[in-house]
Amino acid sequence: TMVKNEDAPVGALKAGYDINEYFGVEMRYGGV
């Protein structure tokens, strides 16, 4: 419903696992 974008500060906590030097998985939780 908005005409233009609204600027907002963003933050997130993350946890991940690098399976090797080329591939990994990650989960994040955050908000604005």
PDB file of all heavy atoms in Angstrom:
ATOM      1  N   THR A   1       0.806  -1.225   0.000  1.00  0.00           N
ATOM      2  CA  THR A   1       0.000   0.000   0.000  1.00  0.00           C
ATOM      3  C   THR A   1       0.840   1.277   0.000  1.00  0.00           C
ATOM      4  O   THR A   1       0.296   2.362  -0.144  1.00  0.00           O
ATOM      5  CB  THR A   1      -0.931   0.031   1.237  1.00  0.00           C
ATOM      6  OG1 THR A   1      -0.132   0.048   2.419  1.00  0.00           O
ATOM      7  CG2 THR A   1      -1.867  -1.159   1.243  1.00  0.00           C
ATOM      8  N   MET A   2       2.152   1.158   0.146  1.00  0.00           N
ATOM      9  CA  MET A   2       3.008   2.344   0.224  1.00  0.00           C
ATOM     10  C   MET A   2       3.436   2.817  -1.161  1.00  0.00           C
ATOM     11  O   MET A   2       3.674   2.015  -2.052  1.00  0.00           O
ATOM     12  CB  MET A   2       4.257   2.040   1.057  1.00  0.00           C
ATOM     13  CG  MET A   2       3.950   1.789   2.507  1.00  0.00           C
ATOM     14  SD  MET A   2       5.387   1.222   3.424  1.00  0.00           S
ATOM     15  CE  MET A   2       6.495   2.599   3.273  1.00  0.00           C
ATOM     16  N   VAL A   3       3.553   4.136  -1.308  1.00  0.00           N
ATOM     17  CA  VAL A   3       3.979   4.727  -2.564  1.00  0.00           C
ATOM     18  C   VAL A   3       5.499   4.669  -2.712  1.00  0.00           C
ATOM     19  O   VAL A   3       6.022   4.395  -3.782  1.00  0.00           O
ATOM     20  CB  VAL A   3       3.490   6.193  -2.672  1.00  0.00           C
ATOM     21  CG1 VAL A   3       4.003   6.855  -3.935  1.00  0.00           C
ATOM     22  CG2 VAL A   3       1.980   6.240  -2.605  1.00  0.00           C
ATOM     23  N   LYS A   4       6.221   4.934  -1.621  1.00  0.00           N
ATOM     24  CA  LYS A   4       7.685   4.928  -1.700  1.00  0.00           C
ATOM     25  C   LYS A   4       8.269   4.084  -0.564  1.00  0.00           C
ATOM     26  O   LYS A   4       7.614   3.804   0.431  1.00  0.00           O
ATOM     27  CB  LYS A   4       8.250   6.340  -1.658  1.00  0.00           C
ATOM     28  CG  LYS A   4       8.015   7.064  -0.356  1.00  0.00           C
ATOM     29  CD  LYS A   4       8.668   8.424  -0.383  1.00  0.00           C
ATOM     30  CE  LYS A   4       8.659   8.991   1.039  1.00  0.00           C
ATOM     31  NZ  LYS A   4       9.533  10.087   1.210  1.00  0.00           N
ATOM     32  N   ASN A   5       9.529   3.707  -0.725  1.00  0.00           N
ATOM     33  CA  ASN A   5      10.235   2.934   0.294  1.00  0.00           C
ATOM     34  C   ASN A   5      10.481   3.780   1.539  1.00  0.00           C
ATOM     35  O   ASN A   5      10.608   4.999   1.449  1.00  0.00           O
ATOM     36  CB  ASN A   5      11.584   2.448  -0.238  1.00  0.00           C
ATOM     37  CG  ASN A   5      11.435   1.430  -1.335  1.00  0.00           C
ATOM     38  OD1 ASN A   5      10.374   0.890  -1.569  1.00  0.00           O
ATOM     39  ND2 ASN A   5      12.520   1.161  -2.025  1.00  0.00           N
ATOM     40  N   GLU A   6      10.568   3.115   2.672  1.00  0.00           N
ATOM     41  CA  GLU A   6      10.849   3.779   3.939  1.00  0.00           C
ATOM     42  C   GLU A   6      12.191   3.279   4.470  1.00  0.00           C
ATOM     43  O   GLU A   6      12.395   2.071   4.586  1.00  0.00           O
ATOM     44  CB  GLU A   6       9.733   3.418   4.911  1.00  0.00           C
ATOM     45  CG  GLU A   6       9.515   4.419   5.986  1.00  0.00           C
ATOM     46  CD  GLU A   6       8.209   4.132   6.703  1.00  0.00           C
ATOM     47  OE1 GLU A   6       8.216   3.239   7.566  1.00  0.00           O
ATOM     48  OE2 GLU A   6       7.216   4.786   6.373  1.00  0.00           O
ATOM     49  N   ASP A   7      13.106   4.187   4.788  1.00  0.00           N
ATOM     50  CA  ASP A   7      14.411   3.804   5.322  1.00  0.00           C
ATOM     51  C   ASP A   7      14.266   3.354   6.772  1.00  0.00           C
ATOM     52  O   ASP A   7      13.465   3.915   7.525  1.00  0.00           O
ATOM     53  CB  ASP A   7      15.389   4.977   5.262  1.00  0.00           C
ATOM     54  CG  ASP A   7      15.727   5.379   3.837  1.00  0.00           C
ATOM     55  OD1 ASP A   7      15.606   4.517   2.944  1.00  0.00           O
ATOM     56  OD2 ASP A   7      16.115   6.536   3.622  1.00  0.00           O
ATOM     57  N   ALA A   8      15.059   2.342   7.158  1.00  0.00           N
ATOM     58  CA  ALA A   8      14.985   1.827   8.526  1.00  0.00           C
ATOM     59  C   ALA A   8      16.300   1.162   8.910  1.00  0.00           C
ATOM     60  O   ALA A   8      16.910   0.478   8.092  1.00  0.00           O
ATOM     61  CB  ALA A   8      13.855   0.811   8.644  1.00  0.00           C
ATOM     62  N   PRO A   9      16.740   1.334  10.168  1.00  0.00           N
ATOM     63  CA  PRO A   9      17.877   0.563  10.667  1.00  0.00           C
ATOM     64  C   PRO A   9      17.491  -0.917  10.744  1.00  0.00           C
ATOM     65  O   PRO A   9      16.369  -1.245  11.101  1.00  0.00           O
ATOM     66  CB  PRO A   9      18.125   1.132  12.064  1.00  0.00           C
ATOM     67  CG  PRO A   9      17.373   2.420  12.116  1.00  0.00           C
ATOM     68  CD  PRO A   9      16.254   2.298  11.156  1.00  0.00           C
ATOM     69  N   VAL A  10      18.429  -1.817  10.404  1.00  0.00           N
ATOM     70  CA  VAL A  10      18.173  -3.266  10.396  1.00  0.00           C
ATOM     71  C   VAL A  10      19.247  -3.949  11.232  1.00  0.00           C
ATOM     72  O   VAL A  10      20.410  -3.548  11.213  1.00  0.00           O
ATOM     73  CB  VAL A  10      18.239  -3.821   8.948  1.00  0.00           C
ATOM     74  CG1 VAL A  10      17.980  -5.311   8.931  1.00  0.00           C
ATOM     75  CG2 VAL A  10      17.267  -3.105   8.042  1.00  0.00           C
ATOM     76  N   GLY A  11      18.858  -4.994  11.939  1.00  0.00           N
ATOM     77  CA  GLY A  11      19.817  -5.773  12.709  1.00  0.00           C
ATOM     78  C   GLY A  11      19.429  -7.239  12.714  1.00  0.00           C
ATOM     79  O   GLY A  11      18.256  -7.573  12.549  1.00  0.00           O
ATOM     80  N   ALA A  12      20.413  -8.117  12.877  1.00  0.00           N
ATOM     81  CA  ALA A  12      20.135  -9.558  12.907  1.00  0.00           C
ATOM     82  C   ALA A  12      21.216 -10.296  13.690  1.00  0.00           C
ATOM     83  O   ALA A  12      22.394  -9.940  13.625  1.00  0.00           O
ATOM     84  CB  ALA A  12      20.051 -10.121  11.494  1.00  0.00           C
ATOM     85  N   LEU A  13      20.795 -11.323  14.413  1.00  0.00           N
ATOM     86  CA  LEU A  13      21.712 -12.288  15.022  1.00  0.00           C
ATOM     87  C   LEU A  13      21.774 -13.478  14.087  1.00  0.00           C
ATOM     88  O   LEU A  13      20.777 -13.788  13.421  1.00  0.00           O
ATOM     89  CB  LEU A  13      21.186 -12.740  16.391  1.00  0.00           C
ATOM     90  CG  LEU A  13      21.043 -11.662  17.442  1.00  0.00           C
ATOM     91  CD1 LEU A  13      20.382 -12.240  18.697  1.00  0.00           C
ATOM     92  CD2 LEU A  13      22.390 -11.055  17.781  1.00  0.00           C
ATOM     93  N   LYS A  14      22.913 -14.159  14.019  1.00  0.00           N
ATOM     94  CA  LYS A  14      23.020 -15.290  13.109  1.00  0.00           C
ATOM     95  C   LYS A  14      23.848 -16.409  13.710  1.00  0.00           C
ATOM     96  O   LYS A  14      24.704 -16.192  14.566  1.00  0.00           O
ATOM     97  CB  LYS A  14      23.588 -14.864  11.760  1.00  0.00           C
ATOM     98  CG  LYS A  14      24.960 -14.227  11.824  1.00  0.00           C
ATOM     99  CD  LYS A  14      25.376 -13.719  10.457  1.00  0.00           C
ATOM    100  CE  LYS A  14      26.655 -12.920  10.528  1.00  0.00           C
ATOM    101  NZ  LYS A  14      27.085 -12.446   9.228  1.00  0.00           N
ATOM    102  N   ALA A  15      23.555 -17.612  13.238  1.00  0.00           N
ATOM    103  CA  ALA A  15      24.324 -18.805  13.585  1.00  0.00           C
ATOM    104  C   ALA A  15      24.459 -19.604  12.299  1.00  0.00           C
ATOM    105  O   ALA A  15      23.513 -19.703  11.513  1.00  0.00           O
ATOM    106  CB  ALA A  15      23.616 -19.623  14.656  1.00  0.00           C
ATOM    107  N   GLY A  16      25.644 -20.151  12.071  1.00  0.00           N
ATOM    108  CA  GLY A  16      25.855 -20.878  10.832  1.00  0.00           C
ATOM    109  C   GLY A  16      26.885 -21.974  10.986  1.00  0.00           C
ATOM    110  O   GLY A  16      27.532 -22.117  12.026  1.00  0.00           O
ATOM    111  N   TYR A  17      27.004 -22.732   9.919  1.00  0.00           N
ATOM    112  CA  TYR A  17      27.984 -23.812   9.886  1.00  0.00           C
ATOM    113  C   TYR A  17      28.572 -23.888   8.485  1.00  0.00           C
ATOM    114  O   TYR A  17      27.840 -24.040   7.493  1.00  0.00           O
ATOM    115  CB  TYR A  17      27.330 -25.149  10.253  1.00  0.00           C
ATOM    116  CG  TYR A  17      28.337 -26.269  10.324  1.00  0.00           C
ATOM    117  CD1 TYR A  17      29.175 -26.396  11.430  1.00  0.00           C
ATOM    118  CD2 TYR A  17      28.477 -27.174   9.285  1.00  0.00           C
ATOM    119  CE1 TYR A  17      30.121 -27.405  11.493  1.00  0.00           C
ATOM    120  CE2 TYR A  17      29.415 -28.193   9.338  1.00  0.00           C
ATOM    121  CZ  TYR A  17      30.230 -28.301  10.444  1.00  0.00           C
ATOM    122  OH  TYR A  17      31.177 -29.294  10.513  1.00  0.00           O
ATOM    123  N   ASP A  18      29.896 -23.730   8.389  1.00  0.00           N
ATOM    124  CA  ASP A  18      30.603 -23.891   7.108  1.00  0.00           C
ATOM    125  C   ASP A  18      30.946 -25.360   6.944  1.00  0.00           C
ATOM    126  O   ASP A  18      31.787 -25.898   7.671  1.00  0.00           O
ATOM    127  CB  ASP A  18      31.879 -23.043   7.083  1.00  0.00           C
ATOM    128  CG  ASP A  18      31.586 -21.567   6.933  1.00  0.00           C
ATOM    129  OD1 ASP A  18      30.522 -21.224   6.374  1.00  0.00           O
ATOM    130  OD2 ASP A  18      32.407 -20.748   7.374  1.00  0.00           O
ATOM    131  N   ILE A  19      30.288 -26.012   6.002  1.00  0.00           N
ATOM    132  CA  ILE A  19      30.525 -27.426   5.745  1.00  0.00           C
ATOM    133  C   ILE A  19      31.936 -27.629   5.201  1.00  0.00           C
ATOM    134  O   ILE A  19      32.631 -28.565   5.576  1.00  0.00           O
ATOM    135  CB  ILE A  19      29.448 -27.977   4.792  1.00  0.00           C
ATOM    136  CG1 ILE A  19      28.086 -27.887   5.491  1.00  0.00           C
ATOM    137  CG2 ILE A  19      29.760 -29.393   4.349  1.00  0.00           C
ATOM    138  CD1 ILE A  19      26.906 -28.056   4.595  1.00  0.00           C
ATOM    139  N   ASN A  20      32.341 -26.733   4.325  1.00  0.00           N
ATOM    140  CA  ASN A  20      33.717 -26.684   3.822  1.00  0.00           C
ATOM    141  C   ASN A  20      33.998 -25.237   3.416  1.00  0.00           C
ATOM    142  O   ASN A  20      33.189 -24.355   3.710  1.00  0.00           O
ATOM    143  CB  ASN A  20      33.932 -27.690   2.669  1.00  0.00           C
ATOM    144  CG  ASN A  20      32.986 -27.459   1.510  1.00  0.00           C
ATOM    145  OD1 ASN A  20      32.695 -26.334   1.128  1.00  0.00           O
ATOM    146  ND2 ASN A  20      32.470 -28.546   0.951  1.00  0.00           N
ATOM    147  N   GLU A  21      35.109 -24.983   2.751  1.00  0.00           N
ATOM    148  CA  GLU A  21      35.439 -23.593   2.422  1.00  0.00           C
ATOM    149  C   GLU A  21      34.563 -23.009   1.311  1.00  0.00           C
ATOM    150  O   GLU A  21      34.610 -21.806   1.053  1.00  0.00           O
ATOM    151  CB  GLU A  21      36.920 -23.455   2.061  1.00  0.00           C
ATOM    152  CG  GLU A  21      37.336 -24.173   0.806  1.00  0.00           C
ATOM    153  CD  GLU A  21      38.828 -24.018   0.524  1.00  0.00           C
ATOM    154  OE1 GLU A  21      39.417 -22.986   0.886  1.00  0.00           O
ATOM    155  OE2 GLU A  21      39.398 -24.944  -0.065  1.00  0.00           O
ATOM    156  N   TYR A  22      33.739 -23.845   0.667  1.00  0.00           N
ATOM    157  CA  TYR A  22      32.896 -23.391  -0.438  1.00  0.00           C
ATOM    158  C   TYR A  22      31.404 -23.375  -0.140  1.00  0.00           C
ATOM    159  O   TYR A  22      30.635 -22.749  -0.866  1.00  0.00           O
ATOM    160  CB  TYR A  22      33.132 -24.261  -1.679  1.00  0.00           C
ATOM    161  CG  TYR A  22      34.562 -24.226  -2.136  1.00  0.00           C
ATOM    162  CD1 TYR A  22      35.403 -25.303  -1.922  1.00  0.00           C
ATOM    163  CD2 TYR A  22      35.083 -23.106  -2.767  1.00  0.00           C
ATOM    164  CE1 TYR A  22      36.728 -25.273  -2.330  1.00  0.00           C
ATOM    165  CE2 TYR A  22      36.405 -23.063  -3.178  1.00  0.00           C
ATOM    166  CZ  TYR A  22      37.217 -24.147  -2.955  1.00  0.00           C
ATOM    167  OH  TYR A  22      38.528 -24.097  -3.354  1.00  0.00           O
ATOM    168  N   PHE A  23      30.954 -24.069   0.888  1.00  0.00           N
ATOM    169  CA  PHE A  23      29.516 -24.176   1.143  1.00  0.00           C
ATOM    170  C   PHE A  23      29.213 -24.169   2.634  1.00  0.00           C
ATOM    171  O   PHE A  23      29.934 -24.764   3.427  1.00  0.00           O
ATOM    172  CB  PHE A  23      28.963 -25.461   0.512  1.00  0.00           C
ATOM    173  CG  PHE A  23      27.477 -25.585   0.611  1.00  0.00           C
ATOM    174  CD1 PHE A  23      26.640 -24.806  -0.181  1.00  0.00           C
ATOM    175  CD2 PHE A  23      26.907 -26.450   1.526  1.00  0.00           C
ATOM    176  CE1 PHE A  23      25.272 -24.903  -0.071  1.00  0.00           C
ATOM    177  CE2 PHE A  23      25.531 -26.559   1.635  1.00  0.00           C
ATOM    178  CZ  PHE A  23      24.710 -25.779   0.832  1.00  0.00           C
ATOM    179  N   GLY A  24      28.123 -23.492   3.005  1.00  0.00           N
ATOM    180  CA  GLY A  24      27.681 -23.454   4.391  1.00  0.00           C
ATOM    181  C   GLY A  24      26.186 -23.230   4.474  1.00  0.00           C
ATOM    182  O   GLY A  24      25.506 -23.062   3.459  1.00  0.00           O
ATOM    183  N   VAL A  25      25.661 -23.244   5.691  1.00  0.00           N
ATOM    184  CA  VAL A  25      24.252 -22.955   5.955  1.00  0.00           C
ATOM    185  C   VAL A  25      24.200 -21.928   7.089  1.00  0.00           C
ATOM    186  O   VAL A  25      25.091 -21.867   7.920  1.00  0.00           O
ATOM    187  CB  VAL A  25      23.454 -24.227   6.323  1.00  0.00           C
ATOM    188  CG1 VAL A  25      23.339 -25.149   5.122  1.00  0.00           C
ATOM    189  CG2 VAL A  25      24.091 -24.964   7.491  1.00  0.00           C
ATOM    190  N   GLU A  26      23.135 -21.131   7.099  1.00  0.00           N
ATOM    191  CA  GLU A  26      23.049 -20.059   8.084  1.00  0.00           C
ATOM    192  C   GLU A  26      21.598 -19.774   8.430  1.00  0.00           C
ATOM    193  O   GLU A  26      20.714 -19.868   7.580  1.00  0.00           O
ATOM    194  CB  GLU A  26      23.702 -18.806   7.494  1.00  0.00           C
ATOM    195  CG  GLU A  26      23.895 -17.689   8.469  1.00  0.00           C
ATOM    196  CD  GLU A  26      24.758 -16.580   7.883  1.00  0.00           C
ATOM    197  OE1 GLU A  26      25.976 -16.795   7.698  1.00  0.00           O
ATOM    198  OE2 GLU A  26      24.201 -15.500   7.609  1.00  0.00           O
ATOM    199  N   MET A  27      21.360 -19.408   9.694  1.00  0.00           N
ATOM    200  CA  MET A  27      20.040 -19.000  10.162  1.00  0.00           C
ATOM    201  C   MET A  27      20.175 -17.628  10.800  1.00  0.00           C
ATOM    202  O   MET A  27      21.151 -17.353  11.509  1.00  0.00           O
ATOM    203  CB  MET A  27      19.519 -19.989  11.202  1.00  0.00           C
ATOM    204  CG  MET A  27      18.141 -19.658  11.706  1.00  0.00           C
ATOM    205  SD  MET A  27      17.579 -20.924  12.843  1.00  0.00           S
ATOM    206  CE  MET A  27      16.940 -19.891  14.132  1.00  0.00           C
ATOM    207  N   ARG A  28      19.194 -16.749  10.554  1.00  0.00           N
ATOM    208  CA  ARG A  28      19.219 -15.397  11.109  1.00  0.00           C
ATOM    209  C   ARG A  28      17.882 -15.055  11.749  1.00  0.00           C
ATOM    210  O   ARG A  28      16.831 -15.496  11.301  1.00  0.00           O
ATOM    211  CB  ARG A  28      19.503 -14.370  10.015  1.00  0.00           C
ATOM    212  CG  ARG A  28      20.849 -14.532   9.383  1.00  0.00           C
ATOM    213  CD  ARG A  28      21.090 -13.469   8.358  1.00  0.00           C
ATOM    214  NE  ARG A  28      22.379 -13.663   7.722  1.00  0.00           N
ATOM    215  CZ  ARG A  28      22.911 -12.824   6.860  1.00  0.00           C
ATOM    216  NH1 ARG A  28      22.265 -11.720   6.540  1.00  0.00           N
ATOM    217  NH2 ARG A  28      24.081 -13.075   6.328  1.00  0.00           N
ATOM    218  N   TYR A  29      17.966 -14.234  12.782  1.00  0.00           N
ATOM    219  CA  TYR A  29      16.775 -13.675  13.411  1.00  0.00           C
ATOM    220  C   TYR A  29      17.024 -12.179  13.573  1.00  0.00           C
ATOM    221  O   TYR A  29      18.069 -11.772  14.091  1.00  0.00           O
ATOM    222  CB  TYR A  29      16.526 -14.304  14.790  1.00  0.00           C
ATOM    223  CG  TYR A  29      15.412 -13.601  15.510  1.00  0.00           C
ATOM    224  CD1 TYR A  29      14.093 -13.845  15.174  1.00  0.00           C
ATOM    225  CD2 TYR A  29      15.691 -12.645  16.473  1.00  0.00           C
ATOM    226  CE1 TYR A  29      13.070 -13.164  15.796  1.00  0.00           C
ATOM    227  CE2 TYR A  29      14.669 -11.964  17.100  1.00  0.00           C
ATOM    228  CZ  TYR A  29      13.364 -12.228  16.760  1.00  0.00           C
ATOM    229  OH  TYR A  29      12.344 -11.550  17.367  1.00  0.00           O
ATOM    230  N   GLY A  30      16.087 -11.354  13.099  1.00  0.00           N
ATOM    231  CA  GLY A  30      16.322  -9.919  13.186  1.00  0.00           C
ATOM    232  C   GLY A  30      15.062  -9.096  13.072  1.00  0.00           C
ATOM    233  O   GLY A  30      13.944  -9.606  13.117  1.00  0.00           O
ATOM    234  N   GLY A  31      15.273  -7.798  12.886  1.00  0.00           N
ATOM    235  CA  GLY A  31      14.166  -6.872  12.765  1.00  0.00           C
ATOM    236  C   GLY A  31      14.655  -5.501  12.353  1.00  0.00           C
ATOM    237  O   GLY A  31      15.832  -5.296  12.085  1.00  0.00           O
ATOM    238  N   VAL A  32      13.710  -4.569  12.301  1.00  0.00           N
ATOM    239  CA  VAL A  32      14.021  -3.177  11.971  1.00  0.00           C
ATOM    240  C   VAL A  32      13.660  -2.305  13.156  1.00  0.00           C
ATOM    241  O   VAL A  32      12.833  -2.673  13.987  1.00  0.00           O
ATOM    242  CB  VAL A  32      13.270  -2.698  10.704  1.00  0.00           C
ATOM    243  CG1 VAL A  32      13.671  -3.507   9.495  1.00  0.00           C
ATOM    244  CG2 VAL A  32      11.767  -2.747  10.902  1.00  0.00           C
TER     245      VAL A  32
END
